[in-house]
Protein backbone atom coordinates (compact mmCIF):
# COMPACT_ATOMS: atom_id res chain seq x y z
CA MET A 1 -6.89 28.42 12.11
CA ASN A 2 -8.87 31.31 13.29
CA GLN A 3 -6.41 34.16 13.94
CA ASP A 4 -3.57 32.51 11.95
CA ILE A 5 -5.30 32.95 8.61
CA ARG A 6 -3.17 35.85 6.98
CA ALA A 7 -5.26 36.34 3.68
CA PRO A 8 -7.21 39.68 3.87
CA ARG A 9 -10.25 38.18 1.97
CA VAL A 10 -11.51 34.54 2.14
CA LEU A 11 -14.17 32.54 0.39
CA LEU A 12 -16.45 31.47 3.36
CA ILE A 13 -18.16 28.40 3.75
CA ASP A 14 -20.51 28.07 6.69
CA GLN A 15 -21.16 25.15 8.82
CA ASN A 16 -24.02 23.75 6.54
CA GLY A 17 -21.60 23.73 3.57
CA GLU A 18 -23.11 26.49 1.77
CA LYS A 19 -20.86 29.27 -0.10
CA GLN A 20 -21.39 32.58 1.57
CA GLY A 21 -19.25 34.52 -0.77
CA VAL A 22 -15.92 36.39 -0.68
CA MET A 23 -15.47 38.67 2.48
CA PRO A 24 -12.78 40.08 4.68
CA THR A 25 -11.14 37.79 6.97
CA SER A 26 -12.42 39.72 10.24
CA ALA A 27 -16.09 39.35 9.15
CA ALA A 28 -15.51 35.45 8.76
CA LEU A 29 -13.92 35.22 12.13
CA GLU A 30 -16.93 37.18 13.71
CA ALA A 31 -19.42 34.67 11.79
CA ALA A 32 -17.38 31.58 13.18
CA GLU A 33 -17.66 33.17 16.68
CA GLU A 34 -21.36 33.74 16.39
CA ALA A 35 -21.84 30.09 15.38
CA GLY A 36 -19.50 28.97 18.32
CA MET A 37 -16.99 27.22 16.18
CA ASP A 38 -13.80 27.57 14.37
CA LEU A 39 -12.81 29.36 11.12
CA VAL A 40 -10.41 26.69 9.36
CA GLU A 41 -8.64 27.58 5.97
CA ILE A 42 -9.30 24.49 3.90
CA VAL A 43 -7.73 25.39 0.63
CA SER A 44 -4.72 28.09 1.17
CA THR A 45 -3.51 27.88 -2.49
CA SER A 46 -6.60 29.20 -4.20
CA GLU A 47 -7.66 33.03 -4.93
CA PRO A 48 -9.13 33.84 -2.62
CA PRO A 49 -8.41 31.04 0.13
CA VAL A 50 -11.27 28.89 1.20
CA ALA A 51 -12.08 29.00 4.80
CA LYS A 52 -14.93 26.82 6.45
CA ILE A 53 -16.69 27.20 9.73
CA LEU A 54 -16.37 23.83 11.64
CA ASP A 55 -15.55 22.55 14.95
CA TYR A 56 -11.79 22.14 14.63
CA GLY A 57 -11.34 19.56 17.49
CA LYS A 58 -14.25 17.34 15.87
CA HIS A 59 -12.75 17.64 12.46
CA ARG A 60 -9.29 16.32 13.65
CA PHE A 61 -10.97 13.52 15.44
CA GLN A 62 -12.72 12.54 12.38
CA GLU A 63 -9.44 12.86 10.43
CA GLN A 64 -7.86 10.44 13.06
CA LYS A 65 -10.76 7.85 12.81
CA LYS A 66 -10.57 7.92 8.88
CA LYS A 67 -6.49 7.18 9.06
CA ALA A 68 -6.91 4.52 11.64
CA GLU A 69 -9.48 2.74 9.52
CA GLN A 70 -7.39 2.95 6.40
CA ARG A 71 -4.36 1.53 8.23
CA LYS A 72 -6.45 -1.33 9.88
CA ARG A 73 -7.71 -2.26 6.00
CA GLN A 74 -4.16 -2.16 4.70
CA LYS A 75 -2.43 -5.45 3.72
CA VAL A 76 1.22 -5.86 4.09
CA VAL A 77 2.72 -7.78 1.24
CA GLU A 78 5.31 -10.28 2.59
CA LEU A 79 8.15 -12.02 0.68
CA LYS A 80 8.01 -15.75 1.90
CA GLU A 81 10.53 -18.17 0.85
CA ILE A 82 10.55 -21.53 -0.44
CA LYS A 83 13.77 -23.67 -0.76
CA LEU A 84 14.09 -26.25 -3.16
CA ARG A 85 16.72 -28.71 -4.36
CA PRO A 86 17.42 -29.76 -7.96
CA ASN A 87 16.55 -33.39 -7.65
CA ILE A 88 13.53 -32.85 -5.31
CA ASP A 89 11.20 -35.91 -4.99
CA THR A 90 7.46 -35.47 -6.28
CA HIS A 91 5.86 -35.97 -3.10
CA ASP A 92 8.29 -33.29 -1.55
CA TYR A 93 7.65 -30.93 -4.31
CA GLU A 94 3.82 -31.09 -3.75
CA VAL A 95 4.20 -30.37 -0.33
CA LYS A 96 6.04 -27.04 -1.09
CA ALA A 97 3.40 -26.52 -3.92
CA LYS A 98 0.84 -26.63 -1.32
CA ALA A 99 2.81 -24.12 0.90
CA MET A 100 2.93 -21.80 -1.99
CA HIS A 101 -0.78 -21.78 -2.93
CA ARG A 102 -1.45 -20.78 0.84
CA PHE A 103 0.89 -18.02 0.61
CA PHE A 104 -0.55 -16.76 -2.81
CA ASP A 105 -3.94 -17.04 -1.14
CA GLU A 106 -2.76 -14.92 1.96
CA GLY A 107 -1.54 -12.36 -0.82
CA ASP A 108 2.11 -12.79 -0.34
CA LYS A 109 4.90 -12.99 -2.90
CA VAL A 110 7.05 -16.05 -2.86
CA LYS A 111 10.98 -16.42 -3.68
CA VAL A 112 11.76 -19.57 -4.76
CA THR A 113 15.40 -20.51 -3.99
CA LEU A 114 16.93 -23.46 -5.57
CA ARG A 115 20.39 -24.60 -3.83
CA PHE A 116 22.93 -26.38 -5.55
CA ARG A 117 25.41 -28.68 -3.74
CA GLY A 118 28.65 -30.29 -4.89
CA ARG A 119 28.51 -31.76 -8.19
CA GLU A 120 24.77 -30.31 -8.92
CA MET A 121 26.52 -27.26 -9.96
CA ALA A 122 27.66 -28.91 -13.11
CA HIS A 123 23.88 -29.20 -14.05
CA PRO A 124 22.35 -25.85 -13.79
CA GLU A 125 19.83 -26.94 -16.57
CA LEU A 126 18.05 -29.13 -14.27
CA GLY A 127 17.56 -26.32 -11.78
CA MET A 128 16.16 -24.23 -14.64
CA LYS A 129 14.02 -26.99 -15.73
CA LEU A 130 12.47 -27.18 -12.17
CA LEU A 131 11.83 -23.57 -11.93
CA ASN A 132 10.21 -23.49 -15.06
CA LYS A 133 8.04 -26.25 -13.87
CA VAL A 134 7.16 -24.19 -10.90
CA GLN A 135 6.25 -21.27 -13.43
CA ALA A 136 4.02 -23.26 -15.21
CA ASP A 137 2.35 -24.88 -12.38
CA PHE A 138 1.40 -21.36 -11.12
CA GLU A 139 0.77 -19.48 -14.04
CA GLU A 140 -3.02 -19.17 -13.46
CA VAL A 141 -2.41 -17.88 -9.62
CA ALA A 142 0.83 -15.94 -9.92
CA LYS A 143 2.89 -14.05 -12.37
CA VAL A 144 6.84 -13.94 -12.49
CA GLU A 145 8.20 -10.86 -11.00
CA PHE A 146 11.92 -11.83 -11.16
CA SER A 147 12.57 -14.21 -13.62
CA PRO A 148 15.05 -17.32 -12.63
CA LYS A 149 18.64 -16.20 -12.22
CA MET A 150 21.71 -17.84 -10.80
CA GLU A 151 23.40 -16.20 -8.02
CA GLY A 152 26.54 -17.98 -6.89
CA ARG A 153 25.49 -21.48 -5.77
CA GLN A 154 21.69 -21.01 -5.91
CA MET A 155 18.90 -20.02 -8.50
CA ILE A 156 16.41 -17.54 -7.40
CA MET A 157 12.93 -16.41 -9.03
CA ILE A 158 10.17 -14.52 -7.30
CA LEU A 159 6.61 -14.96 -7.86
CA ALA A 160 3.79 -12.42 -7.08
CA PRO A 161 0.06 -13.11 -6.56
CA ARG A 162 -2.30 -12.23 -9.75
């Protein structure tokens, strides 16, 4: 900005956005002072560097507003967890499925955890059958991000909204 520009010559763009051509940096600084604004180096990597006459304080304020607007629109994807058991009743399953639909509508991922206790460990195929049912029920609203996998006494699957 202003005297910090080290290049001997710059391509000047005036406050109206029109190219003024390549000129010495000192002449560009004088033009900026006449306009009562700052000379700001926009593209330093080009040859010659591009400098623009603008109000630097106003420019920075506009950039901050733009970044704040982008942050406001940003949606953070959360990972919600639903815990099931292999011998879950149909109504209990429906309640869990309703919650999962709500999570997908909000744009969140869902981690389905199937816990095995005691002798249920002898029948992991029942758990796999249940997770395949979950996968089939949510085929149109969610995609499988992490397929069902046994980890210790629990089987885990992660679904992400489509």
